Amino acid sequence: MNGTLNKVMLIGHTGDDIKMHYFDGGGCVGRFPLATNDSYTNKSTGERIENTEWHTIIMRNKMAEACEKHLKKGEKIYIEGRIKNRKWQDDQGNDRYSTEIQCTDFNFLTAKSSPISDGSQASSQSTTAETKQVQKPNVDADDLPF
């Protein structure tokens, strides 16, 4: 190991549908904004403060195609990747910088609910499916290795 690590893990909501760019050689790149939220209480005023941080997510080839097919604006997703800083010049020749997250792995976290015969969706189904994903296994204290 060379002693360095560039790893990012984010859970957030998509700010838009994925925008795809296809290349002549058959490859493609997808890009979308991801919002992560942070909140805290101001000790002096007691006011609840919420901050939203926006991240630009870059996906390539099959990952991008899967997200284009299944991921929509506002859905929750887990992203794993690395930070990449880019320098480029705008139309006036000024240097510009951007920070992107190059995705290496992801998981959809918004449960897809199936339509019921009358066309409405089952609201409890999506809540139950999402809850099942985050529940920890039931571990007895005698089973712990320490």
Protein backbone atom coordinates (compact mmCIF):
# COMPACT_ATOMS: atom_id res chain seq x y z
CA MET A 1 0.00 0.00 0.00
CA ASN A 2 1.33 3.42 -0.88
CA GLY A 3 -0.06 5.14 2.24
CA THR A 4 -2.78 7.22 0.58
CA LEU A 5 -6.52 6.80 0.17
CA ASN A 6 -9.05 8.63 -1.96
CA LYS A 7 -12.47 7.21 -1.05
CA VAL A 8 -15.88 8.83 -0.75
CA MET A 9 -19.14 7.32 0.51
CA LEU A 10 -22.34 9.33 0.11
CA ILE A 11 -26.03 8.70 0.71
CA GLY A 12 -28.26 11.32 -0.80
CA HIS A 13 -31.09 12.25 -3.14
CA THR A 14 -30.64 12.88 -6.84
CA GLY A 15 -31.19 16.46 -7.92
CA ASP A 16 -31.99 15.57 -11.53
CA ASP A 17 -32.19 12.63 -13.94
CA ILE A 18 -28.84 11.37 -15.17
CA LYS A 19 -27.47 13.18 -18.25
CA MET A 20 -25.76 10.80 -20.65
CA HIS A 21 -22.99 11.38 -23.20
CA TYR A 22 -22.25 8.58 -25.67
CA PHE A 23 -18.93 8.18 -27.48
CA ASP A 24 -18.20 6.79 -30.95
CA GLY A 25 -16.34 3.78 -29.51
CA GLY A 26 -19.44 2.60 -27.64
CA GLY A 27 -18.59 3.96 -24.20
CA CYS A 28 -20.67 6.45 -22.28
CA VAL A 29 -20.51 8.80 -19.31
CA GLY A 30 -23.41 9.79 -17.08
CA ARG A 31 -23.55 12.78 -14.75
CA PHE A 32 -26.06 13.89 -12.13
CA PRO A 33 -26.20 16.09 -9.01
CA LEU A 34 -26.55 14.46 -5.58
CA ALA A 35 -27.76 16.32 -2.48
CA THR A 36 -26.63 15.40 1.01
CA ASN A 37 -28.13 17.12 4.06
CA ASP A 38 -26.72 18.08 7.42
CA SER A 39 -28.63 19.62 10.30
CA TYR A 40 -27.77 20.93 13.74
CA THR A 41 -29.25 23.13 16.46
CA ASN A 42 -27.72 26.55 17.05
CA LYS A 43 -26.89 26.55 20.79
CA SER A 44 -27.35 30.28 21.25
CA THR A 45 -30.71 30.64 19.45
CA GLY A 46 -32.07 27.09 19.64
CA GLU A 47 -32.83 27.35 15.92
CA ARG A 48 -32.60 24.23 13.77
CA ILE A 49 -30.14 24.83 10.90
CA GLU A 50 -30.18 22.64 7.79
CA ASN A 51 -27.46 22.64 5.15
CA THR A 52 -27.54 20.95 1.76
CA GLU A 53 -24.30 20.06 0.00
CA TRP A 54 -24.39 19.34 -3.74
CA HIS A 55 -22.03 16.81 -5.35
CA THR A 56 -21.49 16.10 -9.04
CA ILE A 57 -21.52 12.33 -9.61
CA ILE A 58 -19.81 10.83 -12.67
CA MET A 59 -20.52 7.25 -13.79
CA ARG A 60 -19.16 5.35 -16.75
CA ASN A 61 -20.48 2.71 -19.15
CA LYS A 62 -22.71 -0.01 -17.63
CA MET A 63 -23.14 1.78 -14.28
CA ALA A 64 -24.28 4.92 -16.10
CA GLU A 65 -26.67 2.95 -18.32
CA ALA A 66 -28.21 1.20 -15.29
CA CYS A 67 -28.76 4.53 -13.54
CA GLU A 68 -30.21 6.08 -16.69
CA LYS A 69 -32.74 3.24 -16.83
CA HIS A 70 -33.68 3.00 -13.14
CA LEU A 71 -32.75 6.23 -11.32
CA LYS A 72 -35.01 9.28 -11.35
CA LYS A 73 -34.86 12.75 -9.82
CA GLY A 74 -35.43 12.76 -6.04
CA GLU A 75 -34.56 9.12 -5.45
CA LYS A 76 -32.18 8.00 -2.73
CA ILE A 77 -28.89 6.33 -3.67
CA TYR A 78 -25.66 5.17 -2.03
CA ILE A 79 -22.53 6.21 -3.95
CA GLU A 80 -18.99 5.00 -3.42
CA GLY A 81 -16.15 6.52 -5.37
CA ARG A 82 -13.20 8.88 -5.41
CA ILE A 83 -12.76 12.65 -5.56
CA LYS A 84 -11.50 14.06 -8.84
CA ASN A 85 -10.62 17.74 -9.31
CA ARG A 86 -10.61 19.12 -12.84
CA LYS A 87 -9.21 22.34 -14.25
CA TRP A 88 -10.59 23.76 -17.50
CA GLN A 89 -10.94 27.06 -19.35
CA ASP A 90 -14.23 28.80 -20.05
CA ASP A 91 -15.13 30.71 -23.25
CA GLN A 92 -13.26 33.82 -22.05
CA GLY A 93 -10.08 31.84 -21.31
CA ASN A 94 -10.48 31.98 -17.51
CA ASP A 95 -9.34 28.99 -15.48
CA ARG A 96 -12.23 27.13 -13.87
CA TYR A 97 -12.16 24.29 -11.37
CA SER A 98 -14.68 21.60 -10.55
CA THR A 99 -14.78 18.77 -8.04
CA GLU A 100 -16.51 15.56 -9.03
CA ILE A 101 -17.14 12.17 -7.46
CA GLN A 102 -16.09 9.39 -9.84
CA CYS A 103 -18.41 6.54 -8.90
CA THR A 104 -16.94 3.06 -8.46
CA ASP A 105 -19.97 1.40 -6.82
CA PHE A 106 -23.58 2.27 -6.00
CA ASN A 107 -26.83 0.90 -4.55
CA PHE A 108 -30.35 2.15 -5.17
CA LEU A 109 -31.99 2.92 -1.81
CA THR A 110 -35.43 4.05 -2.93
CA ALA A 111 -37.70 1.02 -3.02
CA LYS A 112 -39.69 0.59 -6.20
CA SER A 113 -43.33 -0.15 -5.44
CA SER A 114 -45.49 -2.02 -7.91
CA PRO A 115 -48.76 -0.50 -9.08
CA ILE A 116 -52.00 -1.95 -7.68
CA SER A 117 -54.83 -2.86 -10.07
CA ASP A 118 -56.57 0.53 -9.71
CA GLY A 119 -53.37 2.39 -10.73
CA SER A 120 -52.41 3.70 -7.29
CA GLN A 121 -49.22 2.66 -5.53
CA ALA A 122 -48.86 0.87 -2.21
CA SER A 123 -47.39 3.39 0.20
CA SER A 124 -46.62 0.90 2.96
CA GLN A 125 -44.70 -1.34 0.55
CA SER A 126 -41.94 1.22 -0.10
CA THR A 127 -41.62 2.06 3.59
CA THR A 128 -41.32 -1.60 4.55
CA ALA A 129 -38.78 -2.36 1.84
CA GLU A 130 -36.58 0.60 2.80
CA THR A 131 -36.78 -0.33 6.49
CA LYS A 132 -35.67 -3.89 5.74
CA GLN A 133 -32.52 -2.57 4.05
CA VAL A 134 -31.33 -0.70 7.14
CA GLN A 135 -32.31 -3.14 9.90
CA LYS A 136 -29.35 -4.70 11.69
CA PRO A 137 -29.27 -8.44 12.23
CA ASN A 138 -30.42 -9.69 15.64
CA VAL A 139 -27.16 -10.59 17.43
CA ASP A 140 -27.07 -12.20 20.85
CA ALA A 141 -24.42 -10.84 23.28
CA ASP A 142 -22.91 -14.37 23.56
CA ASP A 143 -22.23 -14.36 19.80
CA LEU A 144 -19.96 -11.30 19.92
CA PRO A 145 -16.24 -12.04 19.45
CA PHE A 146 -15.11 -9.66 22.22
